Amino acid sequence: MIAPSAEFLESAILGLRRRNALKAEHHPSEAGSEAVRYHEPVLLDQTVSLLAPAPGKLFLDGTLGGGGHTEAFLEAGARVIGIDQDPQALEFAGRRLARFGDRFTPVRANFEMAGAVLEELRIGGIDGALLDIGVSSWQLDTPGRGFSFQAEGPLDMRMNPQGPVTAADIVNTASEEELIRIFREYGEENAARRIAKQILKERASALFATTLDLARCVEKVNPRRGRVHPATKVFQALRIAVNRELDVLVAALSGISALLNPGGRFGVISFHSLEDRIVKNYFRARSTPWIDRPEWPAPRANPDFQFRLLTGKPAVAAEEEANRNPRSRSAKLRVVEKLSHV
């Protein structure tokens, strides 16, 4: 991906700050009244406890969303750079967090560009970082964004509205084998082949245009049983493919790890097994001082050793949070701390 130019970042930051100041002046209570509706931050208490924001620390929130986690970091006294590729999320979070002034810096970018963002801001390192992976509640609840099979909307699913590929592009142009691969690999969908065949059959007479077009197609193959909609895994798979989510996550784990100061902490909240597996394996592989293989005469020092693992098992939602916010039930938080010798 091409790094953002200095002019782009400066314009994005200054423009957002000007708009945020104006909107905070004319609508001082708007952000507070909309905050929970936009996106209630999951695992908030665990995140704050494990990442330990404090005065004098600089944090990166790579998935700003509605700004709930960032707000908690700011209230603890930290400075925060908030990154999001969704302009609506940045606008909302900017209004919500305008009261923190220069301690909050919003930037429109994908979190895999974190290194370039900090370089353009002339920042050498950070003391904490958070990624809250996946789609926000507000995006799911906005039919026009095309993420949900619950309401009619364009078959879009782009987190960045200017992204080059929509879900409709994939559904209407991908080969049968490519659709099967996407549904199996990203959605772990057992009926991937039958669903792909049905899609090709239907698009031969009329292209897919809306979320409900696709949801009805999937239901023809997988009739609805129980509470889970049969299109759930297909929609997840397409969202991941449209936004390159797994590739971006792999790149961001490496990039953000390199930005951490000694003692800096890095947390990732994931919502499905594909993401969590990537995070777990990455953190564990870099939290083990010695590695061993059957063909070696003795263990060897791990050249990738750089972290202390703070969560042997991931932090999960308490019963009260899970009951209040169903989205939190699948959330897992893993956190590491950068060692001083690396």
Protein backbone atom coordinates (compact mmCIF):
# COMPACT_ATOMS: atom_id res chain seq x y z
CA MET A 1 0.00 0.00 0.00
CA ILE A 2 1.23 3.51 -0.83
CA ALA A 3 2.08 5.54 2.25
CA PRO A 4 0.05 8.73 2.78
CA SER A 5 1.78 11.95 1.87
CA ALA A 6 2.60 14.60 4.42
CA GLU A 7 0.15 16.94 2.71
CA PHE A 8 -2.63 14.33 2.93
CA LEU A 9 -2.08 13.66 6.64
CA GLU A 10 -1.76 17.33 7.53
CA SER A 11 -4.94 18.15 5.63
CA ALA A 12 -6.81 15.23 7.18
CA ILE A 13 -5.80 16.13 10.73
CA LEU A 14 -6.36 19.89 10.46
CA GLY A 15 -9.60 19.49 8.54
CA LEU A 16 -11.03 17.10 11.09
CA ARG A 17 -10.02 19.33 13.97
CA ARG A 18 -11.68 22.37 12.37
CA ARG A 19 -14.92 20.46 11.72
CA ASN A 20 -14.86 18.92 15.18
CA ALA A 21 -14.42 22.29 16.85
CA LEU A 22 -17.32 23.78 14.91
CA LYS A 23 -19.62 20.84 15.60
CA ALA A 24 -18.69 20.73 19.28
CA GLU A 25 -19.55 24.44 19.50
CA HIS A 26 -22.97 24.06 17.87
CA HIS A 27 -23.87 20.58 19.16
CA PRO A 28 -22.12 20.19 22.52
CA SER A 29 -24.28 17.27 23.70
CA GLU A 30 -24.62 15.40 20.41
CA ALA A 31 -21.68 13.05 20.83
CA GLY A 32 -22.65 11.99 24.31
CA SER A 33 -26.23 11.19 23.33
CA GLU A 34 -25.17 9.10 20.33
CA ALA A 35 -22.14 7.33 21.82
CA VAL A 36 -23.72 4.08 22.95
CA ARG A 37 -25.93 3.87 19.86
CA TYR A 38 -22.91 4.27 17.63
CA HIS A 39 -20.73 1.60 19.20
CA GLU A 40 -20.42 0.48 22.81
CA PRO A 41 -16.76 -0.40 23.39
CA VAL A 42 -16.31 -4.04 24.33
CA LEU A 43 -14.07 -5.27 27.16
CA LEU A 44 -13.47 -1.67 28.19
CA ASP A 45 -12.48 -2.33 31.81
CA GLN A 46 -10.12 -5.16 30.86
CA THR A 47 -8.58 -3.10 28.07
CA VAL A 48 -7.85 -0.12 30.31
CA SER A 49 -6.51 -2.34 33.09
CA LEU A 50 -4.17 -4.31 30.83
CA LEU A 51 -2.94 -1.45 28.61
CA ALA A 52 -2.53 0.93 31.59
CA PRO A 53 -2.94 4.38 29.97
CA ALA A 54 -1.60 7.22 32.11
CA PRO A 55 -0.44 10.86 31.89
CA GLY A 56 2.68 11.19 29.79
CA LYS A 57 1.95 8.11 27.70
CA LEU A 58 1.18 8.19 23.98
CA PHE A 59 -1.31 5.64 22.66
CA LEU A 60 -2.36 4.55 19.21
CA ASP A 61 -5.95 3.45 18.68
CA GLY A 62 -5.75 1.82 15.26
CA THR A 63 -9.50 1.19 15.06
CA LEU A 64 -11.02 4.39 16.43
CA GLY A 65 -14.65 3.66 15.55
CA GLY A 66 -16.96 5.57 17.89
CA GLY A 67 -14.06 6.52 20.14
CA GLY A 68 -15.10 4.58 23.25
CA HIS A 69 -11.73 3.03 23.99
CA THR A 70 -9.89 6.22 23.06
CA GLU A 71 -12.12 8.21 25.39
CA ALA A 72 -11.11 5.95 28.28
CA PHE A 73 -7.42 6.35 27.41
CA LEU A 74 -7.79 10.13 27.29
CA GLU A 75 -9.69 10.21 30.57
CA ALA A 76 -6.77 8.31 32.13
CA GLY A 77 -4.48 11.16 31.03
CA ALA A 78 -2.83 9.66 27.94
CA ARG A 79 -2.48 11.30 24.54
CA VAL A 80 -4.04 9.34 21.68
CA ILE A 81 -3.64 9.13 17.93
CA GLY A 82 -6.88 7.66 16.58
CA ILE A 83 -6.83 6.02 13.16
CA ASP A 84 -9.86 4.97 11.13
CA GLN A 85 -10.53 4.58 7.43
CA ASP A 86 -14.24 5.38 7.80
CA PRO A 87 -14.84 9.16 7.53
CA GLN A 88 -18.18 8.87 9.35
CA ALA A 89 -16.47 7.20 12.31
CA LEU A 90 -13.81 9.92 12.40
CA GLU A 91 -16.42 12.66 12.27
CA PHE A 92 -18.43 11.15 15.08
CA ALA A 93 -15.44 10.36 17.31
CA GLY A 94 -14.02 13.81 16.65
CA ARG A 95 -17.19 15.44 17.98
CA ARG A 96 -17.25 13.11 20.97
CA LEU A 97 -13.62 13.74 21.88
CA ALA A 98 -13.27 17.43 20.98
CA ARG A 99 -13.13 18.38 24.67
CA PHE A 100 -9.69 16.76 24.97
CA GLY A 101 -8.17 19.27 22.56
CA ASP A 102 -4.66 18.55 21.27
CA ARG A 103 -4.31 15.38 23.33
CA PHE A 104 -6.43 13.67 20.66
CA THR A 105 -5.24 13.46 17.05
CA PRO A 106 -7.60 11.84 14.51
CA VAL A 107 -6.19 10.57 11.22
CA ARG A 108 -7.99 8.94 8.34
CA ALA A 109 -5.99 5.86 7.36
CA ASN A 110 -6.01 2.08 7.50
CA PHE A 111 -4.23 0.78 10.62
CA GLU A 112 -1.70 -1.08 8.47
CA MET A 113 -0.42 2.44 7.67
CA ALA A 114 0.33 3.20 11.33
CA GLY A 115 4.07 3.42 10.73
CA ALA A 116 3.65 5.94 7.93
CA VAL A 117 1.19 7.96 10.02
CA LEU A 118 3.61 8.23 12.93
CA GLU A 119 6.49 9.04 10.62
CA GLU A 120 4.57 11.91 9.06
CA LEU A 121 3.63 13.16 12.52
CA ARG A 122 7.34 12.92 13.49
CA ILE A 123 6.64 10.49 16.31
CA GLY A 124 9.32 7.90 17.00
CA GLY A 125 7.48 5.50 19.28
CA ILE A 126 4.32 4.81 21.27
CA ASP A 127 3.60 3.51 24.77
CA GLY A 128 0.47 1.56 23.94
CA ALA A 129 -1.65 0.40 21.04
CA LEU A 130 -5.08 -1.14 20.54
CA LEU A 131 -6.80 -2.82 17.62
CA ASP A 132 -10.51 -3.60 17.97
CA ILE A 133 -10.92 -5.73 14.87
CA GLY A 134 -14.05 -6.03 12.79
CA VAL A 135 -17.16 -4.10 11.92
CA SER A 136 -18.73 -1.63 14.35
CA SER A 137 -22.27 -1.86 15.64
CA TRP A 138 -23.11 1.39 13.86
CA GLN A 139 -21.86 0.06 10.53
CA LEU A 140 -23.94 -3.09 10.99
CA ASP A 141 -27.02 -1.07 11.90
CA THR A 142 -26.73 1.31 8.94
CA PRO A 143 -28.36 -0.37 5.91
CA GLY A 144 -26.64 1.96 3.48
CA ARG A 145 -23.24 0.50 4.38
CA GLY A 146 -24.32 -2.95 3.18
CA PHE A 147 -22.88 -5.03 6.04
CA SER A 148 -26.08 -6.60 7.33
CA PHE A 149 -28.49 -9.19 5.98
CA GLN A 150 -31.20 -7.88 8.33
CA ALA A 151 -32.25 -4.90 6.19
CA GLU A 152 -32.26 -3.88 2.54
CA GLY A 153 -29.12 -2.04 1.50
CA PRO A 154 -26.54 -1.93 -1.28
CA LEU A 155 -24.24 -4.95 -1.35
CA ASP A 156 -21.21 -2.87 -0.37
CA MET A 157 -19.38 -3.81 2.89
CA ARG A 158 -16.49 -1.38 2.43
CA MET A 159 -15.14 0.03 5.69
CA ASN A 160 -13.46 2.69 3.56
CA PRO A 161 -16.27 4.04 1.35
CA GLN A 162 -13.68 4.87 -1.32
CA GLY A 163 -12.29 1.34 -1.40
CA PRO A 164 -11.90 -0.17 -4.88
CA VAL A 165 -13.95 -3.37 -4.43
CA THR A 166 -17.47 -3.93 -3.10
CA ALA A 167 -19.16 -7.15 -2.07
CA ALA A 168 -21.35 -6.85 -5.18
CA ASP A 169 -18.22 -6.79 -7.35
CA ILE A 170 -17.06 -10.08 -5.86
CA VAL A 171 -20.44 -11.80 -5.90
CA ASN A 172 -21.16 -10.75 -9.49
CA THR A 173 -17.74 -11.36 -11.07
CA ALA A 174 -15.77 -13.97 -9.10
CA SER A 175 -15.48 -17.48 -10.47
CA GLU A 176 -17.23 -20.35 -8.75
CA GLU A 177 -13.94 -21.66 -7.37
CA GLU A 178 -12.99 -18.22 -6.04
CA LEU A 179 -16.34 -17.86 -4.29
CA ILE A 180 -15.92 -21.32 -2.77
CA ARG A 181 -12.45 -20.36 -1.52
CA ILE A 182 -13.69 -17.10 0.02
CA PHE A 183 -16.65 -18.74 1.76
CA ARG A 184 -14.55 -21.62 3.10
CA GLU A 185 -11.41 -19.75 4.03
CA TYR A 186 -12.94 -16.58 5.48
CA GLY A 187 -16.35 -17.83 6.60
CA GLU A 188 -15.64 -21.50 7.38
CA GLU A 189 -18.90 -22.20 5.55
CA ASN A 190 -19.60 -25.92 5.05
CA ALA A 191 -22.09 -25.28 2.24
CA ALA A 192 -19.65 -23.08 0.30
CA ARG A 193 -19.85 -25.07 -2.94
CA ARG A 194 -23.64 -25.22 -3.03
CA ILE A 195 -23.94 -21.52 -2.22
CA ALA A 196 -21.44 -20.59 -4.93
CA LYS A 197 -23.34 -22.66 -7.49
CA GLN A 198 -26.61 -20.96 -6.54
CA ILE A 199 -25.01 -17.52 -6.86
CA LEU A 200 -23.74 -18.28 -10.37
CA LYS A 201 -27.15 -19.63 -11.35
CA GLU A 202 -28.99 -16.52 -10.18
CA ARG A 203 -26.52 -13.93 -11.45
CA ALA A 204 -26.81 -15.39 -14.95
CA SER A 205 -30.26 -13.79 -15.19
CA ALA A 206 -29.88 -10.81 -12.82
CA LEU A 207 -26.88 -9.40 -10.98
CA PHE A 208 -26.93 -9.11 -7.19
CA ALA A 209 -27.52 -5.53 -6.07
CA THR A 210 -28.68 -5.61 -2.44
CA THR A 211 -27.95 -7.37 0.83
CA LEU A 212 -31.34 -9.05 0.84
CA ASP A 213 -30.77 -10.35 -2.72
CA LEU A 214 -27.80 -12.30 -1.42
CA ALA A 215 -29.41 -13.30 1.90
CA ARG A 216 -32.40 -14.81 0.06
CA CYS A 217 -30.08 -16.67 -2.28
CA VAL A 218 -28.21 -18.25 0.63
CA GLU A 219 -31.48 -19.18 2.34
CA LYS A 220 -32.50 -21.18 -0.72
CA VAL A 221 -29.48 -23.40 -0.14
CA ASN A 222 -29.48 -23.26 3.67
CA PRO A 223 -33.03 -22.89 5.03
CA ARG A 224 -33.15 -20.96 8.27
CA ARG A 225 -32.99 -23.05 11.45
CA GLY A 226 -32.66 -21.55 14.89
CA ARG A 227 -31.50 -18.02 15.75
CA VAL A 228 -28.38 -17.84 13.55
CA HIS A 229 -29.13 -16.55 10.05
CA PRO A 230 -27.83 -18.94 7.35
CA ALA A 231 -26.11 -16.04 5.56
CA THR A 232 -24.01 -15.08 8.59
CA LYS A 233 -20.82 -16.85 7.49
CA VAL A 234 -21.16 -15.78 3.85
CA PHE A 235 -21.51 -12.12 4.85
CA GLN A 236 -18.52 -12.43 7.20
CA ALA A 237 -16.43 -13.98 4.44
CA LEU A 238 -17.31 -11.29 1.91
CA ARG A 239 -16.61 -8.50 4.41
CA ILE A 240 -13.18 -9.96 5.14
CA ALA A 241 -12.43 -10.30 1.42
CA VAL A 242 -13.65 -6.80 0.52
CA ASN A 243 -11.54 -5.16 3.22
CA ARG A 244 -8.54 -7.54 3.06
CA GLU A 245 -8.95 -7.87 6.81
CA LEU A 246 -6.66 -10.81 7.50
CA ASP A 247 -3.83 -9.52 5.30
CA VAL A 248 -4.13 -6.09 6.90
CA LEU A 249 -4.09 -7.62 10.38
CA VAL A 250 -0.89 -9.57 9.70
CA ALA A 251 0.82 -6.45 8.37
CA ALA A 252 -0.40 -4.32 11.27
CA LEU A 253 0.78 -6.74 13.96
CA SER A 254 4.33 -6.49 12.67
CA GLY A 255 4.20 -2.77 11.95
CA ILE A 256 2.72 -1.71 15.27
CA SER A 257 5.02 -4.01 17.26
CA ALA A 258 7.98 -2.16 15.78
CA LEU A 259 6.55 1.18 16.95
CA LEU A 260 6.29 0.22 20.62
CA ASN A 261 8.67 1.75 23.12
CA PRO A 262 10.23 -0.59 25.73
CA GLY A 263 7.48 -1.38 28.23
CA GLY A 264 4.82 -0.43 25.71
CA ARG A 265 1.71 -2.60 25.60
CA PHE A 266 -0.20 -3.85 22.57
CA GLY A 267 -3.72 -5.23 22.74
CA VAL A 268 -5.94 -6.77 20.07
CA ILE A 269 -9.66 -7.49 20.41
CA SER A 270 -10.92 -10.07 17.92
CA PHE A 271 -14.39 -11.47 17.28
CA HIS A 272 -13.92 -14.69 15.35
CA SER A 273 -11.52 -17.60 15.31
CA LEU A 274 -9.65 -16.60 12.14
CA GLU A 275 -8.53 -13.28 13.62
CA ASP A 276 -7.88 -14.66 17.09
CA ARG A 277 -5.73 -17.48 15.73
CA ILE A 278 -3.51 -15.01 13.87
CA VAL A 279 -3.12 -12.79 16.94
CA LYS A 280 -2.53 -15.70 19.34
CA ASN A 281 0.13 -17.28 17.14
CA TYR A 282 1.90 -13.96 16.50
CA PHE A 283 2.04 -12.98 20.16
CA ARG A 284 3.05 -16.43 21.40
CA ALA A 285 5.78 -16.82 18.79
CA ARG A 286 7.34 -13.57 20.02
CA SER A 287 6.86 -14.23 23.72
CA THR A 288 8.93 -17.41 23.87
CA PRO A 289 12.65 -16.92 24.68
CA TRP A 290 13.72 -20.35 23.44
CA ILE A 291 12.59 -22.53 20.55
CA ASP A 292 13.25 -26.20 20.01
CA ARG A 293 12.86 -28.68 17.16
CA PRO A 294 13.29 -32.47 17.16
CA GLU A 295 16.23 -32.30 14.77
CA TRP A 296 18.17 -29.80 16.92
CA PRO A 297 20.62 -31.07 19.57
CA ALA A 298 19.51 -28.32 21.96
CA PRO A 299 17.04 -25.39 22.16
CA ARG A 300 18.08 -22.15 20.53
CA ALA A 301 17.45 -18.53 21.37
CA ASN A 302 14.35 -17.21 19.62
CA PRO A 303 15.42 -14.37 17.28
CA ASP A 304 11.84 -12.99 17.34
CA PHE A 305 11.62 -12.83 21.14
CA GLN A 306 10.40 -9.33 22.05
CA PHE A 307 7.30 -9.57 24.26
CA ARG A 308 6.06 -10.58 27.66
CA LEU A 309 2.65 -12.20 27.26
CA LEU A 310 0.17 -10.59 29.67
CA THR A 311 -2.81 -12.77 28.77
CA GLY A 312 -2.08 -16.51 28.83
CA LYS A 313 -5.76 -16.94 28.07
CA PRO A 314 -7.62 -14.11 26.36
CA ALA A 315 -9.68 -11.70 28.46
CA VAL A 316 -13.40 -12.14 27.75
CA ALA A 317 -16.60 -10.37 28.72
CA ALA A 318 -18.06 -10.82 32.18
CA GLU A 319 -21.63 -12.08 32.37
CA GLU A 320 -23.01 -8.61 33.03
CA GLU A 321 -21.39 -7.15 29.92
CA ALA A 322 -22.37 -10.12 27.78
CA ASN A 323 -26.00 -9.69 28.82
CA ARG A 324 -25.93 -5.94 28.24
CA ASN A 325 -24.01 -6.03 24.96
CA PRO A 326 -24.43 -9.30 22.98
CA ARG A 327 -21.61 -8.29 20.61
CA SER A 328 -19.15 -8.70 23.47
CA ARG A 329 -19.88 -12.43 23.86
CA SER A 330 -17.48 -13.40 21.08
CA ALA A 331 -14.81 -10.79 21.92
CA LYS A 332 -11.33 -11.90 22.98
CA LEU A 333 -8.58 -9.56 24.14
CA ARG A 334 -4.90 -10.53 24.00
CA VAL A 335 -2.17 -8.22 25.28
CA VAL A 336 1.63 -8.21 25.24
CA GLU A 337 4.28 -5.91 26.71
CA LYS A 338 7.45 -5.03 24.82
CA LEU A 339 10.62 -6.07 26.60
CA SER A 340 13.32 -3.54 27.40
CA HIS A 341 16.13 -5.51 25.74
CA VAL A 342 14.71 -5.24 22.19
